[in-house]
Amino acid sequence: MTPLSENTLRQELDAAIKKRNALGAEFFGIQAAQEKIASCISELRKNLRSAEAAFEEAKQESVSNLVHEAMGEAQTDQPSMRQLRANMASVEDELEAALEAQKELADWRKQIDSRLGLAKMATRRAFDDVIKNSPEVNHLIEEAKALEEQIIERISQITYLVGCGHLPHGIYETLALQPTNLGKGLATTPQTAWAILSEKAGKSIPSAWQAAVAGLDKDASFPLPGDDVSPPKKGPLRKLMGGA
C-alpha cells in the first residue's frame, strides 16, 4: 500500500475523516449539554413551584397574624416575606437564564448538525474515491474479468459439444448465472443481480473487505485486501463479447 504521505486521495480522506469526527464530537458534546440543561430546567421549575408555594403559605400566615393582632391575640412566628419573595425571584432569574441557554444550544446544534451532514457526505465521496482508484480494487476487477474469460471459454466448448449432439441439451444450464432464473424475480441492477446470486450460492461478504471498509472509515491509512498486486493476464474473449 502507498504510504499516506504519498497518496493524495488518502490524504483527502484523512482530512475529511478528521473534520467529520471533530464535528461529530462537537455535536455529541452539545447533546450532552442539552441533557444537562434540560435536567437543570426541570429542577429549577420544581424549585420555583416550591418557592411559590412557600410564599403563598407565608402570605396566608401574614394575613392570619394581622387578624389575630387586630383582635389582640398572640401572633405566630413567620418567615420573612421579603426573603421569600427574593428567593422566588432568584429562582425565576435562574430559570430564565437556563431557558435562554437551552435555546442557544438548540440553535448551535442545528448549525453543527447541518455542517456534520455535509462533512459526512464529503467523507463518503473521499472514501469512494480511495476505493475506486486503489490498485487493490483495480486488480480485483481485472482478476474477475480474467476469470470471466475462462468461464466464457469453457462454456463455448460445452456449447460446441451440445451443438454436435455429443452432449444432451441442459447438461449445463448457462443461464444459471442469471439471477433472474433463481426464483427471486427480476434483478433491477447488476449489484442486485449478483447479490441474489451470491445468496443463492451461499457466499457471504468477505470478512477481509468488511474489516477493510470499517477500518478505512476510521483511518485513511488502513490497508485494503491484496496489497501485493500484479496485473492478471488479459484475454481477447471479453472484448469480443463487448466487455471492457
Protein backbone atom coordinates (compact mmCIF):
# COMPACT_ATOMS: atom_id res chain seq x y z
CA MET A 1 0.00 0.00 0.00
CA THR A 2 1.22 3.51 -0.83
CA PRO A 3 2.03 5.49 2.35
CA LEU A 4 -0.50 8.14 3.34
CA SER A 5 2.08 10.88 2.72
CA GLU A 6 2.36 9.77 -0.93
CA ASN A 7 -1.32 9.22 -1.68
CA THR A 8 -3.32 12.38 -2.39
CA LEU A 9 -6.70 10.63 -2.28
CA ARG A 10 -5.96 9.08 1.10
CA GLN A 11 -4.74 12.45 2.37
CA GLU A 12 -8.07 13.98 1.32
CA LEU A 13 -9.90 11.15 3.06
CA ASP A 14 -7.81 11.67 6.17
CA ALA A 15 -8.73 15.37 6.27
CA ALA A 16 -12.40 14.57 5.68
CA ILE A 17 -12.45 11.95 8.44
CA LYS A 18 -10.84 14.35 10.92
CA LYS A 19 -13.33 17.09 10.09
CA ARG A 20 -16.29 14.70 10.33
CA ASN A 21 -15.06 13.29 13.64
CA ALA A 22 -14.42 16.76 15.09
CA LEU A 23 -17.92 17.92 14.16
CA GLY A 24 -19.34 14.65 15.47
CA ALA A 25 -17.61 15.15 18.81
CA GLU A 26 -18.91 18.72 18.95
CA PHE A 27 -22.42 17.52 18.12
CA PHE A 28 -22.39 14.89 20.87
CA GLY A 29 -20.95 17.48 23.27
CA ILE A 30 -23.91 19.75 22.53
CA GLN A 31 -26.28 16.84 23.08
CA ALA A 32 -24.73 16.17 26.49
CA ALA A 33 -25.01 19.87 27.36
CA GLN A 34 -28.65 19.89 26.29
CA GLU A 35 -29.37 16.95 28.57
CA LYS A 36 -27.75 18.77 31.50
CA ILE A 37 -29.67 21.97 30.77
CA ALA A 38 -32.94 20.04 30.46
CA SER A 39 -32.28 18.42 33.84
CA CYS A 40 -31.38 21.81 35.33
CA ILE A 41 -34.58 23.39 33.96
CA SER A 42 -36.66 20.57 35.39
CA GLU A 43 -35.06 21.05 38.81
CA LEU A 44 -35.45 24.86 38.66
CA ARG A 45 -39.13 24.56 37.77
CA LYS A 46 -39.57 22.25 40.74
CA ASN A 47 -37.74 24.75 42.97
CA LEU A 48 -39.87 27.60 41.61
CA ARG A 49 -43.07 25.75 42.42
CA SER A 50 -41.77 25.15 45.95
CA ALA A 51 -40.76 28.81 46.34
CA GLU A 52 -44.16 29.98 45.08
CA ALA A 53 -45.95 27.62 47.45
CA ALA A 54 -43.81 28.79 50.39
CA PHE A 55 -44.51 32.42 49.50
CA GLU A 56 -48.27 31.84 49.25
CA GLU A 57 -48.26 29.94 52.53
CA ALA A 58 -46.35 32.76 54.25
CA LYS A 59 -48.75 35.29 52.75
CA GLN A 60 -51.71 33.46 54.23
CA GLU A 61 -49.96 33.29 57.61
CA SER A 62 -49.30 37.04 57.43
CA VAL A 63 -53.00 37.71 56.84
CA SER A 64 -53.89 35.43 59.74
CA ASN A 65 -51.40 37.16 62.03
CA LEU A 66 -52.80 40.57 61.16
CA VAL A 67 -56.27 39.34 62.05
CA HIS A 68 -55.06 37.92 65.38
CA GLU A 69 -53.12 41.13 66.08
CA ALA A 70 -56.19 43.25 65.44
CA MET A 71 -58.12 41.11 67.86
CA GLY A 72 -55.40 41.41 70.49
CA GLU A 73 -54.43 37.77 70.23
CA ALA A 74 -50.98 36.28 70.21
CA GLN A 75 -49.19 36.06 66.84
CA THR A 76 -47.19 33.15 65.50
CA ASP A 77 -43.67 33.50 64.12
CA GLN A 78 -43.47 33.55 60.35
CA PRO A 79 -40.69 33.67 57.76
CA SER A 80 -39.70 36.96 56.15
CA MET A 81 -41.96 37.74 53.21
CA ARG A 82 -39.21 39.87 51.71
CA GLN A 83 -36.75 36.96 51.84
CA LEU A 84 -39.26 34.53 50.36
CA ARG A 85 -40.01 36.95 47.53
CA ALA A 86 -36.26 37.36 46.91
CA ASN A 87 -35.82 33.57 46.86
CA MET A 88 -38.62 33.23 44.33
CA ALA A 89 -37.19 35.99 42.13
CA SER A 90 -33.75 34.37 42.25
CA VAL A 91 -35.13 31.03 41.05
CA GLU A 92 -37.10 32.81 38.30
CA ASP A 93 -33.90 34.51 37.09
CA GLU A 94 -32.02 31.22 37.07
CA LEU A 95 -34.84 29.54 35.14
CA GLU A 96 -34.94 32.34 32.59
CA ALA A 97 -31.17 32.04 32.05
CA ALA A 98 -31.43 28.26 31.70
CA LEU A 99 -34.20 28.60 29.10
CA GLU A 100 -32.06 31.06 27.14
CA ALA A 101 -29.13 28.63 27.29
CA GLN A 102 -31.42 25.84 26.07
CA LYS A 103 -32.46 27.94 23.06
CA GLU A 104 -28.85 28.85 22.29
CA LEU A 105 -27.80 25.20 22.42
CA ALA A 106 -30.69 24.22 20.12
CA ASP A 107 -29.60 26.81 17.54
CA TRP A 108 -25.98 25.72 17.84
CA ARG A 109 -26.92 22.06 17.46
CA LYS A 110 -28.90 22.85 14.31
CA GLN A 111 -25.87 24.55 12.75
CA ILE A 112 -23.49 21.74 13.68
CA ASP A 113 -25.96 19.10 12.50
CA SER A 114 -26.04 20.76 9.07
CA ARG A 115 -22.24 21.01 8.88
CA LEU A 116 -21.90 17.42 10.10
CA GLY A 117 -24.22 16.19 7.36
CA LEU A 118 -22.09 17.91 4.72
CA ALA A 119 -18.91 16.54 6.32
CA LYS A 120 -20.31 13.00 6.21
CA MET A 121 -21.13 13.36 2.51
CA ALA A 122 -17.64 14.73 1.82
CA THR A 123 -16.11 11.82 3.72
CA ARG A 124 -18.18 9.34 1.73
CA ARG A 125 -17.05 10.90 -1.56
CA ALA A 126 -13.40 10.81 -0.47
CA PHE A 127 -13.85 7.25 0.78
CA ASP A 128 -15.34 6.11 -2.53
CA ASP A 129 -12.52 7.81 -4.45
CA VAL A 130 -9.92 5.88 -2.45
CA ILE A 131 -11.73 2.58 -3.05
CA LYS A 132 -12.41 3.23 -6.74
CA ASN A 133 -8.86 4.31 -7.56
CA SER A 134 -6.98 1.82 -5.39
CA PRO A 135 -4.66 -0.68 -7.09
CA GLU A 136 -6.17 -3.41 -4.91
CA VAL A 137 -9.69 -2.85 -6.29
CA ASN A 138 -8.46 -2.39 -9.85
CA HIS A 139 -6.62 -5.69 -9.54
CA LEU A 140 -9.74 -7.35 -8.13
CA ILE A 141 -11.81 -6.14 -11.10
CA GLU A 142 -9.23 -7.25 -13.65
CA GLU A 143 -8.95 -10.60 -11.92
CA ALA A 144 -12.73 -11.04 -12.13
CA LYS A 145 -12.60 -10.20 -15.83
CA ALA A 146 -9.88 -12.79 -16.36
CA LEU A 147 -11.95 -15.44 -14.57
CA GLU A 148 -14.93 -14.44 -16.68
CA GLU A 149 -12.80 -15.13 -19.76
CA GLN A 150 -12.17 -18.65 -18.52
CA ILE A 151 -15.89 -19.24 -17.90
CA ILE A 152 -16.79 -17.99 -21.39
CA GLU A 153 -14.12 -20.19 -22.97
CA ARG A 154 -15.26 -23.34 -21.16
CA ILE A 155 -18.95 -22.72 -21.83
CA SER A 156 -18.15 -22.27 -25.53
CA GLN A 157 -16.57 -25.74 -25.54
CA ILE A 158 -19.60 -27.31 -23.83
CA THR A 159 -21.91 -25.47 -26.24
CA TYR A 160 -19.95 -26.86 -29.20
CA LEU A 161 -20.29 -30.42 -27.91
CA VAL A 162 -24.01 -29.93 -27.29
CA GLY A 163 -24.42 -28.49 -30.79
CA CYS A 164 -22.68 -31.51 -32.30
CA GLY A 165 -25.09 -33.77 -30.46
CA HIS A 166 -22.39 -35.34 -28.28
CA LEU A 167 -23.94 -33.91 -25.11
CA PRO A 168 -27.63 -33.56 -24.28
CA HIS A 169 -29.27 -30.14 -24.07
CA GLY A 170 -29.45 -28.91 -20.49
CA ILE A 171 -26.38 -30.81 -19.32
CA TYR A 172 -25.06 -27.43 -18.22
CA GLU A 173 -27.50 -24.55 -17.97
CA THR A 174 -25.50 -21.44 -18.85
CA LEU A 175 -28.37 -19.23 -17.75
CA ALA A 176 -27.82 -20.47 -14.19
CA LEU A 177 -25.54 -17.46 -13.90
CA GLN A 178 -28.52 -15.16 -14.46
CA PRO A 179 -30.12 -14.27 -11.10
CA THR A 180 -33.48 -13.71 -12.87
CA ASN A 181 -33.77 -17.50 -13.03
CA LEU A 182 -33.29 -18.02 -9.31
CA GLY A 183 -36.91 -17.51 -8.31
CA LYS A 184 -36.19 -14.05 -6.91
CA GLY A 185 -37.88 -12.02 -9.63
CA LEU A 186 -36.24 -9.52 -11.96
CA ALA A 187 -32.97 -8.04 -10.74
CA THR A 188 -33.09 -4.32 -11.43
CA THR A 189 -29.33 -3.63 -11.24
CA PRO A 190 -26.13 -5.66 -11.68
CA GLN A 191 -25.45 -5.19 -7.96
CA THR A 192 -28.85 -6.64 -7.08
CA ALA A 193 -28.33 -9.49 -9.55
CA TRP A 194 -25.01 -10.56 -8.09
CA ALA A 195 -26.26 -10.12 -4.53
CA ILE A 196 -29.06 -12.58 -5.33
CA LEU A 197 -26.63 -14.98 -7.00
CA SER A 198 -24.21 -14.81 -4.06
CA GLU A 199 -27.04 -15.51 -1.62
CA LYS A 200 -28.20 -18.47 -3.72
CA ALA A 201 -24.66 -19.86 -3.79
CA GLY A 202 -24.27 -19.38 -0.03
CA LYS A 203 -21.47 -16.84 -0.45
CA SER A 204 -21.12 -14.28 2.32
CA ILE A 205 -19.46 -10.86 2.19
CA PRO A 206 -15.68 -11.45 2.50
CA SER A 207 -14.61 -10.68 6.07
CA ALA A 208 -11.38 -9.09 4.83
CA TRP A 209 -13.30 -6.47 2.88
CA GLN A 210 -15.77 -5.95 5.71
CA ALA A 211 -12.85 -5.22 8.03
CA ALA A 212 -11.18 -3.00 5.41
CA VAL A 213 -14.30 -0.90 4.79
CA ALA A 214 -14.89 -0.47 8.53
CA GLY A 215 -11.22 0.32 9.15
CA LEU A 216 -10.86 2.79 6.28
CA ASP A 217 -13.86 4.74 7.56
CA LYS A 218 -11.86 5.49 10.72
CA ASP A 219 -8.28 5.52 9.46
CA ALA A 220 -7.35 6.77 5.98
CA SER A 221 -4.14 4.69 6.08
CA PHE A 222 -5.96 1.40 6.70
CA PRO A 223 -4.77 -1.19 4.13
CA LEU A 224 -7.09 -2.84 1.61
CA PRO A 225 -7.02 -6.58 0.95
CA GLY A 226 -4.46 -7.62 -1.63
CA ASP A 227 -1.61 -5.17 -1.01
CA ASP A 228 0.80 -7.12 -3.22
CA VAL A 229 -0.94 -6.89 -6.57
CA SER A 230 0.22 -7.56 -10.07
CA PRO A 231 -1.92 -7.20 -13.20
CA PRO A 232 -3.52 -10.52 -14.28
CA LYS A 233 -3.21 -11.70 -17.85
CA LYS A 234 -5.96 -10.36 -20.09
CA GLY A 235 -7.58 -12.31 -22.92
CA PRO A 236 -9.49 -11.29 -26.03
CA LEU A 237 -12.80 -13.07 -25.31
CA ARG A 238 -14.26 -10.44 -23.01
CA LYS A 239 -13.54 -7.70 -25.55
CA LEU A 240 -15.16 -9.76 -28.28
CA MET A 241 -18.24 -10.06 -26.04
CA GLY A 242 -18.37 -6.30 -25.59
CA GLY A 243 -16.62 -6.11 -22.20
CA ALA A 244 -14.02 -3.58 -21.18
